[in-house]
Protein backbone atom coordinates (compact mmCIF):
# COMPACT_ATOMS: atom_id res chain seq x y z
CA UNK A 1 -21.50 -24.84 17.99
CA UNK A 2 -18.79 -25.31 20.62
CA UNK A 3 -20.08 -25.57 24.22
CA UNK A 4 -18.22 -25.47 27.40
CA UNK A 5 -18.72 -28.51 29.37
CA UNK A 6 -17.41 -28.77 33.30
CA UNK A 7 -17.02 -31.94 35.16
CA UNK A 8 -14.50 -34.01 37.20
CA UNK A 9 -11.90 -34.96 35.70
CA UNK A 10 -9.94 -38.49 37.15
CA UNK A 11 -6.73 -37.57 35.57
CA UNK A 12 -6.19 -33.87 37.16
CA UNK A 13 -7.87 -35.09 40.31
CA UNK A 14 -10.38 -31.28 40.11
CA UNK A 15 -13.37 -29.44 37.57
CA UNK A 16 -12.35 -29.23 34.64
CA UNK A 17 -13.70 -27.88 31.46
CA UNK A 18 -13.16 -29.25 27.98
CA UNK A 19 -14.68 -27.48 24.41
CA UNK A 20 -17.37 -30.07 22.92
CA UNK A 21 -18.35 -29.61 18.92
CA UNK A 22 -22.09 -29.90 18.24
CA UNK A 23 -22.71 -30.54 14.78
CA UNK A 24 -26.68 -28.95 13.06
CA UNK A 25 -28.62 -31.77 12.50
CA UNK A 26 -31.65 -29.58 12.01
CA UNK A 27 -34.31 -30.23 9.83
CA UNK A 28 -36.52 -27.96 8.13
CA UNK A 29 -39.18 -28.14 11.51
CA UNK A 30 -36.59 -28.66 14.37
CA UNK A 31 -33.63 -27.16 15.40
CA UNK A 32 -30.77 -29.02 16.96
CA UNK A 33 -27.32 -30.47 16.97
CA UNK A 34 -25.28 -33.70 17.81
CA UNK A 35 -21.85 -34.15 19.90
CA UNK A 36 -18.83 -34.71 17.59
CA UNK A 37 -15.71 -33.71 18.54
CA UNK A 38 -14.50 -32.37 21.91
CA UNK A 39 -10.61 -30.28 22.43
CA UNK A 40 -8.98 -30.52 25.88
CA UNK A 41 -6.26 -28.17 27.02
CA UNK A 42 -4.37 -30.43 29.23
CA UNK A 43 -4.30 -33.25 26.73
CA UNK A 44 -3.29 -31.51 23.77
CA UNK A 45 -0.08 -29.57 26.06
CA UNK A 46 0.10 -33.27 28.85
CA UNK A 47 -1.35 -36.45 26.70
CA UNK A 48 -4.31 -37.41 28.71
CA UNK A 49 -3.83 -41.69 30.54
CA UNK A 50 -7.59 -41.86 30.00
CA UNK A 51 -9.10 -43.15 26.81
CA UNK A 52 -12.62 -42.06 26.99
CA UNK A 53 -13.06 -38.33 28.51
CA UNK A 54 -15.84 -38.71 31.31
CA UNK A 55 -16.03 -34.92 30.75
CA UNK A 56 -17.42 -35.46 27.51
CA UNK A 57 -18.87 -38.68 28.36
CA UNK A 58 -21.30 -36.67 30.41
CA UNK A 59 -22.15 -33.72 28.08
CA UNK A 60 -25.41 -34.26 26.06
CA UNK A 61 -25.18 -36.34 22.84
CA UNK A 62 -27.40 -33.73 21.36
CA UNK A 63 -28.61 -30.43 22.36
């Protein structure tokens, strides 16, 4: 499952959205998803000086 998350990007100095992929971690009793990778269009085209994206870090670890 993909989810867009918005937060403050210190590199761009503005609000920005990234797409986070959550992996299905469901069991027979519970449906859940865990945070996996993310895609940042800014980083793809220009690179990013942030070693760890604060928007990604602020997203929930599971859904």
